[in-house]
Amino acid sequence: MNKKKEPDEKVTDKKVTVHQPEPHYSRSELIEAASSFGVKPEVVAGALRLAGKDSMTRPEAEKAIKRFLQRRVK
């Protein structure tokens, strides 16, 4: 029995769907795309610094931006 593991495949109604990993965007790409998140580039830079990351996926970036905007200022 030789089983090869395929990358996250699901068979639904005789259709095969393959889940591709989310692309990671660099710090500069995310800052340049700040308007697509509806914020200024400074907000994206702050969110990346708060998260401690230099690259992340779009959902991770959205979550980091939301957390940055909702943080308490001391």
C-alpha atoms as a PDB file:
ATOM      1  CA  MET A   1       0.000   0.000   0.000  1.00  0.00           C
ATOM      2  CA  ASN A   2       1.770   3.026  -1.302  1.00  0.00           C
ATOM      3  CA  LYS A   3      -0.179   6.154  -0.405  1.00  0.00           C
ATOM      4  CA  LYS A   4       0.969   9.528  -1.656  1.00  0.00           C
ATOM      5  CA  LYS A   5      -0.298  12.532   0.200  1.00  0.00           C
ATOM      6  CA  GLU A   6      -1.756  15.200  -2.084  1.00  0.00           C
ATOM      7  CA  PRO A   7      -1.906  18.876  -0.964  1.00  0.00           C
ATOM      8  CA  ASP A   8      -5.199  19.417   0.891  1.00  0.00           C
ATOM      9  CA  GLU A   9      -7.634  17.985  -1.648  1.00  0.00           C
ATOM     10  CA  LYS A  10     -11.344  17.643  -1.015  1.00  0.00           C
ATOM     11  CA  VAL A  11     -13.740  15.796  -3.266  1.00  0.00           C
ATOM     12  CA  THR A  12     -17.221  17.291  -3.334  1.00  0.00           C
ATOM     13  CA  ASP A  13     -19.824  16.259  -5.886  1.00  0.00           C
ATOM     14  CA  LYS A  14     -17.128  14.789  -8.136  1.00  0.00           C
ATOM     15  CA  LYS A  15     -15.166  18.062  -8.142  1.00  0.00           C
ATOM     16  CA  VAL A  16     -11.687  18.324  -6.736  1.00  0.00           C
ATOM     17  CA  THR A  17     -10.731  21.549  -5.003  1.00  0.00           C
ATOM     18  CA  VAL A  18      -7.153  22.272  -4.041  1.00  0.00           C
ATOM     19  CA  HIS A  19      -6.484  24.825  -1.326  1.00  0.00           C
ATOM     20  CA  GLN A  20      -3.553  27.017  -2.297  1.00  0.00           C
ATOM     21  CA  PRO A  21      -1.569  28.784   0.387  1.00  0.00           C
ATOM     22  CA  GLU A  22      -2.157  32.519   0.795  1.00  0.00           C
ATOM     23  CA  PRO A  23       0.587  34.669  -0.717  1.00  0.00           C
ATOM     24  CA  HIS A  24       2.821  36.572   1.712  1.00  0.00           C
ATOM     25  CA  TYR A  25       3.406  40.245   1.019  1.00  0.00           C
ATOM     26  CA  SER A  26       6.491  42.154   2.090  1.00  0.00           C
ATOM     27  CA  ARG A  27       6.477  45.222   4.321  1.00  0.00           C
ATOM     28  CA  SER A  28       6.907  47.594   1.365  1.00  0.00           C
ATOM     29  CA  GLU A  29       4.127  45.913  -0.642  1.00  0.00           C
ATOM     30  CA  LEU A  30       1.697  46.197   2.263  1.00  0.00           C
ATOM     31  CA  ILE A  31       2.583  49.841   2.908  1.00  0.00           C
ATOM     32  CA  GLU A  32       2.142  50.675  -0.787  1.00  0.00           C
ATOM     33  CA  ALA A  33      -1.266  48.961  -0.747  1.00  0.00           C
ATOM     34  CA  ALA A  34      -2.485  50.824   2.360  1.00  0.00           C
ATOM     35  CA  SER A  35      -5.345  52.419   0.409  1.00  0.00           C
ATOM     36  CA  SER A  36      -6.723  48.950  -0.401  1.00  0.00           C
ATOM     37  CA  PHE A  37      -7.120  48.464   3.368  1.00  0.00           C
ATOM     38  CA  GLY A  38      -8.731  51.888   3.693  1.00  0.00           C
ATOM     39  CA  VAL A  39      -5.955  53.350   5.853  1.00  0.00           C
ATOM     40  CA  LYS A  40      -2.853  55.527   5.509  1.00  0.00           C
ATOM     41  CA  PRO A  41       0.591  53.967   4.983  1.00  0.00           C
ATOM     42  CA  GLU A  42       1.607  55.039   8.506  1.00  0.00           C
ATOM     43  CA  VAL A  43      -1.151  52.871   9.962  1.00  0.00           C
ATOM     44  CA  VAL A  44       0.067  49.813   8.054  1.00  0.00           C
ATOM     45  CA  ALA A  45       3.656  50.477   9.172  1.00  0.00           C
ATOM     46  CA  GLY A  46       2.507  50.738  12.791  1.00  0.00           C
ATOM     47  CA  ALA A  47       0.437  47.573  12.529  1.00  0.00           C
ATOM     48  CA  LEU A  48       3.403  45.653  11.121  1.00  0.00           C
ATOM     49  CA  ARG A  49       5.657  46.919  13.893  1.00  0.00           C
ATOM     50  CA  LEU A  50       3.094  46.043  16.571  1.00  0.00           C
ATOM     51  CA  ALA A  51       2.715  42.557  15.087  1.00  0.00           C
ATOM     52  CA  GLY A  52       6.495  42.154  14.917  1.00  0.00           C
ATOM     53  CA  LYS A  53       6.427  40.900  11.332  1.00  0.00           C
ATOM     54  CA  ASP A  54       7.899  42.101   8.056  1.00  0.00           C
ATOM     55  CA  SER A  55       5.656  40.004   5.817  1.00  0.00           C
ATOM     56  CA  MET A  56       2.179  38.542   6.117  1.00  0.00           C
ATOM     57  CA  THR A  57      -0.876  37.432   4.172  1.00  0.00           C
ATOM     58  CA  ARG A  58      -3.745  39.803   3.409  1.00  0.00           C
ATOM     59  CA  PRO A  59      -6.029  38.360   6.146  1.00  0.00           C
ATOM     60  CA  GLU A  60      -3.170  38.597   8.665  1.00  0.00           C
ATOM     61  CA  ALA A  61      -2.554  42.212   7.620  1.00  0.00           C
ATOM     62  CA  GLU A  62      -6.243  43.090   7.982  1.00  0.00           C
ATOM     63  CA  LYS A  63      -6.268  41.562  11.455  1.00  0.00           C
ATOM     64  CA  ALA A  64      -3.063  43.396  12.455  1.00  0.00           C
ATOM     65  CA  ILE A  65      -4.439  46.722  11.176  1.00  0.00           C
ATOM     66  CA  LYS A  66      -7.687  46.231  13.080  1.00  0.00           C
ATOM     67  CA  ARG A  67      -5.771  45.365  16.265  1.00  0.00           C
ATOM     68  CA  PHE A  68      -3.518  48.430  15.773  1.00  0.00           C
ATOM     69  CA  LEU A  69      -6.474  50.783  15.320  1.00  0.00           C
ATOM     70  CA  GLN A  70      -8.318  49.411  18.349  1.00  0.00           C
ATOM     71  CA  ARG A  71      -5.367  49.393  20.752  1.00  0.00           C
ATOM     72  CA  ARG A  72      -5.394  51.482  23.908  1.00  0.00           C
ATOM     73  CA  VAL A  73      -3.095  54.464  23.949  1.00  0.00           C
ATOM     74  CA  LYS A  74      -1.301  55.022  27.238  1.00  0.00           C
END
